[in-house]
Amino acid sequence: MDDIERFKAAVERHIQETGTTPSGFGTKFARDPNFVFLLRKGREPRRAMRDRILTAMKLEQARSVAGNDGAAVEERP
């Protein structure tokens, strides 16, 4: 599996685990409500965008976990 396929799998997993709609995910992470739909049709975002989205997804997951156990998560730009 190459980087694009791993990225697509991570996006789909995040959508399923969080219950986010594809358009909601695209708006939140890529500022494009069509992002996931285009990704599914073969769009291949540049590495910088993939890295930015993966980092934001990890931060959101960490915040979610921290919110459940009361621990603080430091946000970095």
N, C-alpha and C. Protein backbone atom coordinates (compact mmCIF):
# COMPACT_ATOMS: atom_id res chain seq x y z
N MET A 1 0.85 -1.18 0.00
CA MET A 1 0.00 0.00 0.00
C MET A 1 0.89 1.24 0.00
N ASP A 2 0.64 2.17 -0.92
CA ASP A 2 1.46 3.38 -0.99
C ASP A 2 0.89 4.47 -0.08
N ASP A 3 1.58 5.62 -0.05
CA ASP A 3 1.19 6.72 0.84
C ASP A 3 -0.24 7.21 0.58
N ILE A 4 -0.61 7.32 -0.68
CA ILE A 4 -1.95 7.81 -1.02
C ILE A 4 -3.01 6.85 -0.49
N GLU A 5 -2.78 5.56 -0.69
CA GLU A 5 -3.75 4.56 -0.22
C GLU A 5 -3.85 4.55 1.31
N ARG A 6 -2.71 4.70 1.98
CA ARG A 6 -2.73 4.77 3.45
C ARG A 6 -3.48 6.01 3.91
N PHE A 7 -3.26 7.13 3.21
CA PHE A 7 -3.96 8.36 3.55
C PHE A 7 -5.46 8.19 3.38
N LYS A 8 -5.87 7.64 2.24
CA LYS A 8 -7.30 7.43 1.99
C LYS A 8 -7.92 6.53 3.06
N ALA A 9 -7.20 5.48 3.43
CA ALA A 9 -7.69 4.56 4.45
C ALA A 9 -7.84 5.28 5.80
N ALA A 10 -6.88 6.14 6.13
CA ALA A 10 -6.94 6.89 7.39
C ALA A 10 -8.13 7.85 7.39
N VAL A 11 -8.38 8.49 6.26
CA VAL A 11 -9.52 9.41 6.15
C VAL A 11 -10.83 8.64 6.33
N GLU A 12 -10.96 7.52 5.63
CA GLU A 12 -12.19 6.73 5.72
C GLU A 12 -12.39 6.19 7.13
N ARG A 13 -11.31 5.76 7.77
CA ARG A 13 -11.39 5.25 9.14
C ARG A 13 -11.84 6.37 10.09
N HIS A 14 -11.27 7.57 9.92
CA HIS A 14 -11.63 8.70 10.77
C HIS A 14 -13.12 9.05 10.60
N ILE A 15 -13.57 9.07 9.37
CA ILE A 15 -14.97 9.38 9.09
C ILE A 15 -15.87 8.36 9.77
N GLN A 16 -15.53 7.09 9.64
CA GLN A 16 -16.36 6.04 10.24
C GLN A 16 -16.32 6.09 11.76
N GLU A 17 -15.14 6.25 12.33
CA GLU A 17 -15.00 6.22 13.80
C GLU A 17 -15.63 7.43 14.48
N THR A 18 -15.61 8.58 13.80
CA THR A 18 -16.14 9.79 14.42
C THR A 18 -17.57 10.10 14.02
N GLY A 19 -18.06 9.44 13.00
CA GLY A 19 -19.41 9.71 12.53
C GLY A 19 -19.52 11.01 11.75
N THR A 20 -18.38 11.54 11.35
CA THR A 20 -18.35 12.77 10.56
C THR A 20 -18.84 12.49 9.15
N THR A 21 -19.55 13.44 8.58
CA THR A 21 -19.95 13.27 7.17
C THR A 21 -18.75 13.57 6.28
N PRO A 22 -18.73 13.01 5.08
CA PRO A 22 -17.62 13.32 4.16
C PRO A 22 -17.48 14.82 3.90
N SER A 23 -18.60 15.51 3.72
CA SER A 23 -18.51 16.95 3.46
C SER A 23 -18.05 17.70 4.71
N GLY A 24 -18.47 17.24 5.88
CA GLY A 24 -18.01 17.85 7.13
C GLY A 24 -16.51 17.67 7.32
N PHE A 25 -16.03 16.47 7.03
CA PHE A 25 -14.59 16.21 7.12
C PHE A 25 -13.83 17.13 6.16
N GLY A 26 -14.28 17.19 4.92
CA GLY A 26 -13.60 18.02 3.93
C GLY A 26 -13.57 19.48 4.31
N THR A 27 -14.68 19.97 4.82
CA THR A 27 -14.75 21.37 5.23
C THR A 27 -13.81 21.64 6.40
N LYS A 28 -13.82 20.74 7.37
CA LYS A 28 -13.01 20.93 8.57
C LYS A 28 -11.52 20.82 8.31
N PHE A 29 -11.11 19.81 7.57
CA PHE A 29 -9.69 19.52 7.42
C PHE A 29 -9.05 20.05 6.14
N ALA A 30 -9.85 20.26 5.08
CA ALA A 30 -9.27 20.70 3.81
C ALA A 30 -9.89 22.00 3.30
N ARG A 31 -10.85 22.54 4.06
CA ARG A 31 -11.57 23.74 3.65
C ARG A 31 -12.25 23.55 2.28
N ASP A 32 -12.67 22.29 2.03
CA ASP A 32 -13.31 21.94 0.76
C ASP A 32 -14.32 20.83 1.03
N PRO A 33 -15.62 21.16 1.00
CA PRO A 33 -16.62 20.13 1.30
C PRO A 33 -16.61 18.97 0.31
N ASN A 34 -16.02 19.13 -0.84
CA ASN A 34 -15.96 18.06 -1.84
C ASN A 34 -14.68 17.23 -1.74
N PHE A 35 -13.82 17.54 -0.79
CA PHE A 35 -12.51 16.89 -0.70
C PHE A 35 -12.61 15.37 -0.68
N VAL A 36 -13.42 14.81 0.20
CA VAL A 36 -13.51 13.35 0.33
C VAL A 36 -14.11 12.73 -0.93
N PHE A 37 -15.12 13.38 -1.48
CA PHE A 37 -15.74 12.84 -2.70
C PHE A 37 -14.72 12.80 -3.85
N LEU A 38 -13.91 13.86 -3.96
CA LEU A 38 -12.88 13.89 -5.00
C LEU A 38 -11.77 12.89 -4.70
N LEU A 39 -11.44 12.72 -3.44
CA LEU A 39 -10.43 11.74 -3.02
C LEU A 39 -10.89 10.34 -3.44
N ARG A 40 -12.14 10.06 -3.22
CA ARG A 40 -12.70 8.76 -3.60
C ARG A 40 -12.70 8.55 -5.11
N LYS A 41 -12.74 9.65 -5.87
CA LYS A 41 -12.72 9.56 -7.33
C LYS A 41 -11.31 9.58 -7.91
N GLY A 42 -10.29 9.64 -7.03
CA GLY A 42 -8.93 9.56 -7.53
C GLY A 42 -8.05 10.77 -7.27
N ARG A 43 -8.58 11.80 -6.64
CA ARG A 43 -7.75 12.96 -6.33
C ARG A 43 -6.56 12.53 -5.48
N GLU A 44 -5.40 13.06 -5.78
CA GLU A 44 -4.19 12.75 -5.02
C GLU A 44 -3.59 14.05 -4.49
N PRO A 45 -3.98 14.42 -3.27
CA PRO A 45 -3.45 15.67 -2.70
C PRO A 45 -1.94 15.58 -2.49
N ARG A 46 -1.32 16.73 -2.53
CA ARG A 46 0.13 16.79 -2.32
C ARG A 46 0.50 16.33 -0.92
N ARG A 47 1.74 15.93 -0.77
CA ARG A 47 2.22 15.42 0.51
C ARG A 47 2.00 16.43 1.64
N ALA A 48 2.26 17.70 1.39
CA ALA A 48 2.10 18.71 2.44
C ALA A 48 0.66 18.75 2.95
N MET A 49 -0.30 18.66 2.05
CA MET A 49 -1.70 18.67 2.46
C MET A 49 -2.04 17.38 3.21
N ARG A 50 -1.57 16.26 2.72
CA ARG A 50 -1.83 14.99 3.42
C ARG A 50 -1.25 15.04 4.83
N ASP A 51 -0.03 15.53 4.95
CA ASP A 51 0.62 15.61 6.27
C ASP A 51 -0.15 16.54 7.21
N ARG A 52 -0.60 17.68 6.68
CA ARG A 52 -1.35 18.64 7.49
C ARG A 52 -2.66 18.02 7.99
N ILE A 53 -3.36 17.31 7.11
CA ILE A 53 -4.62 16.69 7.48
C ILE A 53 -4.41 15.57 8.48
N LEU A 54 -3.40 14.73 8.26
CA LEU A 54 -3.11 13.65 9.21
C LEU A 54 -2.77 14.20 10.59
N THR A 55 -1.99 15.28 10.62
CA THR A 55 -1.64 15.91 11.90
C THR A 55 -2.88 16.45 12.60
N ALA A 56 -3.75 17.10 11.85
CA ALA A 56 -4.99 17.65 12.43
C ALA A 56 -5.90 16.53 12.94
N MET A 57 -5.95 15.42 12.22
CA MET A 57 -6.76 14.29 12.66
C MET A 57 -6.22 13.72 13.97
N LYS A 58 -4.90 13.60 14.06
CA LYS A 58 -4.28 13.09 15.29
C LYS A 58 -4.54 14.03 16.46
N LEU A 59 -4.45 15.33 16.22
CA LEU A 59 -4.71 16.32 17.27
C LEU A 59 -6.16 16.22 17.74
N GLU A 60 -7.08 16.08 16.80
CA GLU A 60 -8.49 15.95 17.18
C GLU A 60 -8.71 14.69 18.01
N GLN A 61 -8.07 13.60 17.61
CA GLN A 61 -8.20 12.35 18.36
C GLN A 61 -7.63 12.51 19.76
N ALA A 62 -6.48 13.17 19.88
CA ALA A 62 -5.87 13.39 21.19
C ALA A 62 -6.77 14.26 22.07
N ARG A 63 -7.37 15.26 21.49
CA ARG A 63 -8.30 16.11 22.24
C ARG A 63 -9.50 15.31 22.72
N SER A 64 -9.99 14.43 21.86
CA SER A 64 -11.13 13.61 22.21
C SER A 64 -10.79 12.69 23.37
N VAL A 65 -9.64 12.06 23.32
CA VAL A 65 -9.19 11.18 24.40
C VAL A 65 -8.97 11.99 25.67
N ALA A 66 -8.33 13.15 25.54
CA ALA A 66 -8.08 13.99 26.71
C ALA A 66 -9.39 14.47 27.33
N GLY A 67 -10.35 14.75 26.50
CA GLY A 67 -11.65 15.18 27.00
C GLY A 67 -12.36 14.10 27.78
N ASN A 68 -12.07 12.85 27.45
CA ASN A 68 -12.70 11.73 28.14
C ASN A 68 -12.05 11.42 29.48
N ASP A 69 -10.75 11.73 29.63
CA ASP A 69 -10.10 11.40 30.90
C ASP A 69 -9.65 12.64 31.68
N GLY A 70 -9.96 13.83 31.15
CA GLY A 70 -9.65 15.05 31.87
C GLY A 70 -8.25 15.59 31.70
N ALA A 71 -7.40 14.91 30.94
CA ALA A 71 -6.02 15.38 30.73
C ALA A 71 -6.01 16.52 29.71
N ALA A 72 -5.05 17.39 29.85
CA ALA A 72 -4.91 18.51 28.92
C ALA A 72 -4.02 18.11 27.77
N VAL A 73 -4.30 18.66 26.59
CA VAL A 73 -3.49 18.43 25.40
C VAL A 73 -2.99 19.77 24.92
N GLU A 74 -1.70 19.90 24.72
CA GLU A 74 -1.11 21.14 24.26
C GLU A 74 -1.28 21.25 22.75
N GLU A 75 -1.77 22.39 22.29
CA GLU A 75 -1.95 22.62 20.87
C GLU A 75 -0.71 23.35 20.34
N ARG A 76 -0.21 22.87 19.22
CA ARG A 76 0.94 23.50 18.59
C ARG A 76 0.55 23.90 17.18
N PRO A 77 1.01 25.06 16.74
CA PRO A 77 0.65 25.53 15.39
C PRO A 77 1.28 24.70 14.31
